[in-house]
Amino acid sequence: MAKKGKIENNAKRRKLVDQYAAKRAELLDITKNKELPMEERFAAQLKLAELPRNSAPTRVKNRCEVTGRPKAYYRKLKMSRIALRELGSAGKVPGLVKSSW
């Protein structure tokens, strides 16, 4: 089980990403538009830099929903390999059969 602080910090980051997504996308569109004057694009870049760092989507870490483990994460299932193996062995994941030979 991961530390609760790490899980909570990641949850805060997800919340900030959702909160600032529209503003961040708008400023990025302005900075990438080559038809606008350089001063306007630079001003948008400065405003983008003033946004909280944790509002950037790349700061969010994928973590297992069951244990909070950050490594060996399956995106499709939103859990780590260890949690998947335990739940699969218990028969709690539909369609998953643990192989044995």
N, C-alpha and C. Protein backbone atom coordinates (compact mmCIF):
# COMPACT_ATOMS: atom_id res chain seq x y z
N MET A 1 0.84 -1.18 0.00
CA MET A 1 0.00 0.00 0.00
C MET A 1 0.88 1.24 0.00
N ALA A 2 0.57 2.17 -0.86
CA ALA A 2 1.34 3.41 -0.95
C ALA A 2 1.02 4.32 0.22
N LYS A 3 1.90 5.28 0.46
CA LYS A 3 1.65 6.25 1.53
C LYS A 3 0.41 7.06 1.18
N LYS A 4 -0.39 7.36 2.19
CA LYS A 4 -1.63 8.10 1.96
C LYS A 4 -1.36 9.49 1.41
N GLY A 5 -0.26 10.09 1.85
CA GLY A 5 0.09 11.44 1.36
C GLY A 5 0.33 11.47 -0.13
N LYS A 6 0.99 10.44 -0.64
CA LYS A 6 1.26 10.37 -2.07
C LYS A 6 -0.04 10.23 -2.86
N ILE A 7 -0.94 9.41 -2.36
CA ILE A 7 -2.22 9.20 -3.04
C ILE A 7 -3.04 10.48 -3.01
N GLU A 8 -3.06 11.17 -1.87
CA GLU A 8 -3.81 12.42 -1.74
C GLU A 8 -3.24 13.52 -2.62
N ASN A 9 -1.90 13.63 -2.66
CA ASN A 9 -1.27 14.63 -3.52
C ASN A 9 -1.63 14.40 -4.98
N ASN A 10 -1.64 13.13 -5.39
CA ASN A 10 -1.99 12.81 -6.76
C ASN A 10 -3.46 13.16 -7.04
N ALA A 11 -4.32 12.95 -6.07
CA ALA A 11 -5.73 13.31 -6.23
C ALA A 11 -5.90 14.82 -6.37
N LYS A 12 -5.11 15.59 -5.60
CA LYS A 12 -5.14 17.05 -5.72
C LYS A 12 -4.68 17.48 -7.10
N ARG A 13 -3.65 16.81 -7.62
CA ARG A 13 -3.16 17.14 -8.95
C ARG A 13 -4.23 16.88 -10.00
N ARG A 14 -4.92 15.75 -9.90
CA ARG A 14 -5.99 15.45 -10.85
C ARG A 14 -7.08 16.53 -10.82
N LYS A 15 -7.40 16.98 -9.62
CA LYS A 15 -8.42 18.01 -9.46
C LYS A 15 -7.96 19.32 -10.12
N LEU A 16 -6.70 19.70 -9.89
CA LEU A 16 -6.16 20.92 -10.49
C LEU A 16 -6.10 20.83 -12.01
N VAL A 17 -5.76 19.65 -12.53
CA VAL A 17 -5.71 19.47 -13.98
C VAL A 17 -7.10 19.71 -14.57
N ASP A 18 -8.12 19.17 -13.94
CA ASP A 18 -9.49 19.37 -14.42
C ASP A 18 -9.90 20.83 -14.32
N GLN A 19 -9.50 21.48 -13.24
CA GLN A 19 -9.89 22.86 -12.99
C GLN A 19 -9.29 23.82 -14.02
N TYR A 20 -8.02 23.61 -14.37
CA TYR A 20 -7.31 24.54 -15.25
C TYR A 20 -7.22 24.06 -16.70
N ALA A 21 -7.87 22.96 -17.05
CA ALA A 21 -7.73 22.40 -18.40
C ALA A 21 -8.15 23.37 -19.49
N ALA A 22 -9.29 24.03 -19.32
CA ALA A 22 -9.80 24.94 -20.35
C ALA A 22 -8.88 26.14 -20.52
N LYS A 23 -8.45 26.74 -19.42
CA LYS A 23 -7.58 27.91 -19.49
C LYS A 23 -6.23 27.54 -20.10
N ARG A 24 -5.70 26.39 -19.69
CA ARG A 24 -4.41 25.93 -20.22
C ARG A 24 -4.50 25.68 -21.73
N ALA A 25 -5.59 25.06 -22.17
CA ALA A 25 -5.76 24.78 -23.60
C ALA A 25 -5.89 26.07 -24.40
N GLU A 26 -6.61 27.04 -23.85
CA GLU A 26 -6.79 28.33 -24.53
C GLU A 26 -5.45 29.05 -24.69
N LEU A 27 -4.65 29.08 -23.62
CA LEU A 27 -3.34 29.74 -23.68
C LEU A 27 -2.39 29.00 -24.62
N LEU A 28 -2.46 27.67 -24.63
CA LEU A 28 -1.60 26.91 -25.53
C LEU A 28 -1.95 27.17 -26.99
N ASP A 29 -3.25 27.31 -27.28
CA ASP A 29 -3.67 27.63 -28.65
C ASP A 29 -3.12 28.99 -29.08
N ILE A 30 -3.13 29.95 -28.17
CA ILE A 30 -2.60 31.28 -28.49
C ILE A 30 -1.10 31.20 -28.75
N THR A 31 -0.37 30.48 -27.92
CA THR A 31 1.09 30.41 -28.09
C THR A 31 1.49 29.68 -29.36
N LYS A 32 0.66 28.74 -29.82
CA LYS A 32 1.00 27.97 -31.02
C LYS A 32 0.53 28.64 -32.32
N ASN A 33 -0.31 29.67 -32.22
CA ASN A 33 -0.84 30.34 -33.40
C ASN A 33 0.21 31.29 -33.98
N LYS A 34 0.77 30.93 -35.13
CA LYS A 34 1.85 31.70 -35.74
C LYS A 34 1.35 32.99 -36.40
N GLU A 35 0.04 33.12 -36.59
CA GLU A 35 -0.53 34.31 -37.23
C GLU A 35 -0.63 35.49 -36.26
N LEU A 36 -0.62 35.22 -34.97
CA LEU A 36 -0.69 36.29 -33.97
C LEU A 36 0.67 36.97 -33.82
N PRO A 37 0.69 38.22 -33.36
CA PRO A 37 1.98 38.90 -33.15
C PRO A 37 2.79 38.22 -32.03
N MET A 38 4.08 38.38 -32.11
CA MET A 38 5.00 37.74 -31.18
C MET A 38 4.74 38.18 -29.74
N GLU A 39 4.41 39.48 -29.54
CA GLU A 39 4.18 40.00 -28.19
C GLU A 39 2.98 39.32 -27.53
N GLU A 40 1.93 39.11 -28.30
CA GLU A 40 0.72 38.48 -27.76
C GLU A 40 0.99 37.01 -27.40
N ARG A 41 1.74 36.33 -28.24
CA ARG A 41 2.08 34.93 -27.97
C ARG A 41 2.98 34.83 -26.73
N PHE A 42 3.91 35.78 -26.60
CA PHE A 42 4.81 35.77 -25.45
C PHE A 42 4.04 36.06 -24.16
N ALA A 43 3.08 36.98 -24.23
CA ALA A 43 2.25 37.29 -23.05
C ALA A 43 1.44 36.05 -22.63
N ALA A 44 0.93 35.31 -23.61
CA ALA A 44 0.19 34.07 -23.30
C ALA A 44 1.12 33.05 -22.67
N GLN A 45 2.35 33.00 -23.13
CA GLN A 45 3.34 32.07 -22.56
C GLN A 45 3.63 32.42 -21.10
N LEU A 46 3.72 33.71 -20.80
CA LEU A 46 3.95 34.15 -19.42
C LEU A 46 2.76 33.80 -18.52
N LYS A 47 1.55 33.99 -19.04
CA LYS A 47 0.36 33.63 -18.27
C LYS A 47 0.30 32.13 -18.02
N LEU A 48 0.74 31.36 -19.01
CA LEU A 48 0.79 29.91 -18.87
C LEU A 48 1.78 29.51 -17.78
N ALA A 49 2.89 30.22 -17.70
CA ALA A 49 3.90 29.94 -16.68
C ALA A 49 3.41 30.31 -15.28
N GLU A 50 2.46 31.23 -15.18
CA GLU A 50 1.93 31.65 -13.88
C GLU A 50 0.93 30.65 -13.30
N LEU A 51 0.40 29.76 -14.14
CA LEU A 51 -0.54 28.75 -13.65
C LEU A 51 0.20 27.80 -12.69
N PRO A 52 -0.53 27.18 -11.77
CA PRO A 52 0.13 26.25 -10.85
C PRO A 52 0.80 25.09 -11.59
N ARG A 53 1.97 24.70 -11.12
CA ARG A 53 2.70 23.61 -11.77
C ARG A 53 1.91 22.32 -11.75
N ASN A 54 1.21 22.06 -10.66
CA ASN A 54 0.47 20.82 -10.53
C ASN A 54 -0.78 20.78 -11.40
N SER A 55 -1.06 21.86 -12.13
CA SER A 55 -2.21 21.84 -13.04
C SER A 55 -1.82 21.30 -14.42
N ALA A 56 -0.55 20.96 -14.60
CA ALA A 56 -0.11 20.36 -15.86
C ALA A 56 -0.42 18.87 -15.87
N PRO A 57 -1.00 18.35 -16.95
CA PRO A 57 -1.39 16.93 -16.97
C PRO A 57 -0.22 15.97 -16.81
N THR A 58 0.98 16.38 -17.17
CA THR A 58 2.12 15.47 -17.06
C THR A 58 2.56 15.26 -15.62
N ARG A 59 2.09 16.08 -14.69
CA ARG A 59 2.47 15.93 -13.29
C ARG A 59 1.66 14.83 -12.59
N VAL A 60 0.57 14.38 -13.22
CA VAL A 60 -0.27 13.34 -12.61
C VAL A 60 0.38 11.99 -12.85
N LYS A 61 0.49 11.21 -11.78
CA LYS A 61 1.09 9.87 -11.86
C LYS A 61 -0.03 8.84 -11.88
N ASN A 62 0.06 7.89 -12.79
CA ASN A 62 -0.92 6.80 -12.81
C ASN A 62 -0.66 5.89 -11.61
N ARG A 63 -1.69 5.69 -10.80
CA ARG A 63 -1.56 4.85 -9.61
C ARG A 63 -2.68 3.82 -9.58
N CYS A 64 -2.39 2.68 -8.99
CA CYS A 64 -3.37 1.61 -8.84
C CYS A 64 -4.53 2.10 -7.97
N GLU A 65 -5.77 1.84 -8.42
CA GLU A 65 -6.95 2.26 -7.67
C GLU A 65 -7.10 1.45 -6.39
N VAL A 66 -6.55 0.24 -6.36
CA VAL A 66 -6.72 -0.65 -5.21
C VAL A 66 -5.67 -0.36 -4.15
N THR A 67 -4.40 -0.32 -4.56
CA THR A 67 -3.30 -0.20 -3.60
C THR A 67 -2.58 1.14 -3.62
N GLY A 68 -2.68 1.88 -4.71
CA GLY A 68 -1.95 3.14 -4.83
C GLY A 68 -0.55 2.96 -5.39
N ARG A 69 -0.21 1.76 -5.79
CA ARG A 69 1.13 1.46 -6.32
C ARG A 69 1.35 2.21 -7.64
N PRO A 70 2.51 2.92 -7.79
CA PRO A 70 2.75 3.70 -9.00
C PRO A 70 3.39 2.91 -10.14
N LYS A 71 3.94 1.75 -9.86
CA LYS A 71 4.64 0.99 -10.89
C LYS A 71 3.82 -0.20 -11.35
N ALA A 72 4.15 -0.72 -12.53
CA ALA A 72 3.47 -1.88 -13.11
C ALA A 72 1.97 -1.65 -13.18
N TYR A 73 1.60 -0.51 -13.77
CA TYR A 73 0.20 -0.06 -13.83
C TYR A 73 -0.40 -0.40 -15.19
N TYR A 74 -1.54 -1.07 -15.19
CA TYR A 74 -2.26 -1.35 -16.43
C TYR A 74 -3.32 -0.27 -16.62
N ARG A 75 -3.18 0.53 -17.67
CA ARG A 75 -4.09 1.65 -17.90
C ARG A 75 -5.52 1.21 -18.12
N LYS A 76 -5.68 0.14 -18.87
CA LYS A 76 -7.03 -0.31 -19.21
C LYS A 76 -7.82 -0.74 -17.97
N LEU A 77 -7.13 -1.32 -17.00
CA LEU A 77 -7.78 -1.82 -15.80
C LEU A 77 -7.65 -0.89 -14.60
N LYS A 78 -6.77 0.12 -14.71
CA LYS A 78 -6.51 1.09 -13.65
C LYS A 78 -6.04 0.43 -12.36
N MET A 79 -5.21 -0.61 -12.51
CA MET A 79 -4.65 -1.26 -11.33
C MET A 79 -3.28 -1.83 -11.65
N SER A 80 -2.55 -2.16 -10.60
CA SER A 80 -1.21 -2.70 -10.77
C SER A 80 -1.28 -4.20 -11.03
N ARG A 81 -0.16 -4.76 -11.46
CA ARG A 81 -0.11 -6.18 -11.79
C ARG A 81 -0.36 -7.04 -10.55
N ILE A 82 0.10 -6.57 -9.40
CA ILE A 82 -0.05 -7.35 -8.18
C ILE A 82 -1.51 -7.40 -7.75
N ALA A 83 -2.18 -6.25 -7.78
CA ALA A 83 -3.59 -6.20 -7.41
C ALA A 83 -4.42 -7.01 -8.40
N LEU A 84 -4.05 -6.93 -9.69
CA LEU A 84 -4.76 -7.69 -10.72
C LEU A 84 -4.62 -9.20 -10.47
N ARG A 85 -3.44 -9.64 -10.10
CA ARG A 85 -3.20 -11.06 -9.84
C ARG A 85 -4.01 -11.54 -8.64
N GLU A 86 -4.03 -10.73 -7.59
CA GLU A 86 -4.78 -11.12 -6.38
C GLU A 86 -6.28 -11.18 -6.66
N LEU A 87 -6.80 -10.15 -7.33
CA LEU A 87 -8.24 -10.13 -7.64
C LEU A 87 -8.61 -11.21 -8.65
N GLY A 88 -7.69 -11.48 -9.59
CA GLY A 88 -7.93 -12.54 -10.57
C GLY A 88 -7.96 -13.91 -9.93
N SER A 89 -7.07 -14.13 -8.99
CA SER A 89 -7.05 -15.42 -8.29
C SER A 89 -8.30 -15.61 -7.43
N ALA A 90 -8.83 -14.50 -6.91
CA ALA A 90 -10.04 -14.56 -6.10
C ALA A 90 -11.30 -14.64 -6.96
N GLY A 91 -11.13 -14.51 -8.29
CA GLY A 91 -12.28 -14.59 -9.20
C GLY A 91 -13.11 -13.33 -9.24
N LYS A 92 -12.50 -12.18 -8.91
CA LYS A 92 -13.25 -10.93 -8.87
C LYS A 92 -13.10 -10.08 -10.13
N VAL A 93 -12.29 -10.55 -11.08
CA VAL A 93 -12.14 -9.83 -12.35
C VAL A 93 -12.83 -10.67 -13.42
N PRO A 94 -13.91 -10.17 -14.02
CA PRO A 94 -14.63 -10.96 -15.02
C PRO A 94 -13.78 -11.24 -16.25
N GLY A 95 -13.80 -12.48 -16.70
CA GLY A 95 -13.09 -12.86 -17.92
C GLY A 95 -11.63 -13.18 -17.71
N LEU A 96 -11.11 -13.04 -16.50
CA LEU A 96 -9.70 -13.29 -16.25
C LEU A 96 -9.55 -14.65 -15.58
N VAL A 97 -8.73 -15.49 -16.19
CA VAL A 97 -8.44 -16.80 -15.62
C VAL A 97 -6.94 -16.89 -15.43
N LYS A 98 -6.50 -17.13 -14.21
CA LYS A 98 -5.08 -17.26 -13.92
C LYS A 98 -4.60 -18.61 -14.45
N SER A 99 -3.55 -18.54 -15.26
CA SER A 99 -3.08 -19.78 -15.85
C SER A 99 -2.20 -20.55 -14.89
N SER A 100 -2.26 -21.85 -14.97
CA SER A 100 -1.38 -22.70 -14.18
C SER A 100 -1.09 -23.96 -14.98
N TRP A 101 0.14 -24.43 -14.92
CA TRP A 101 0.52 -25.65 -15.64
C TRP A 101 1.53 -26.44 -14.89
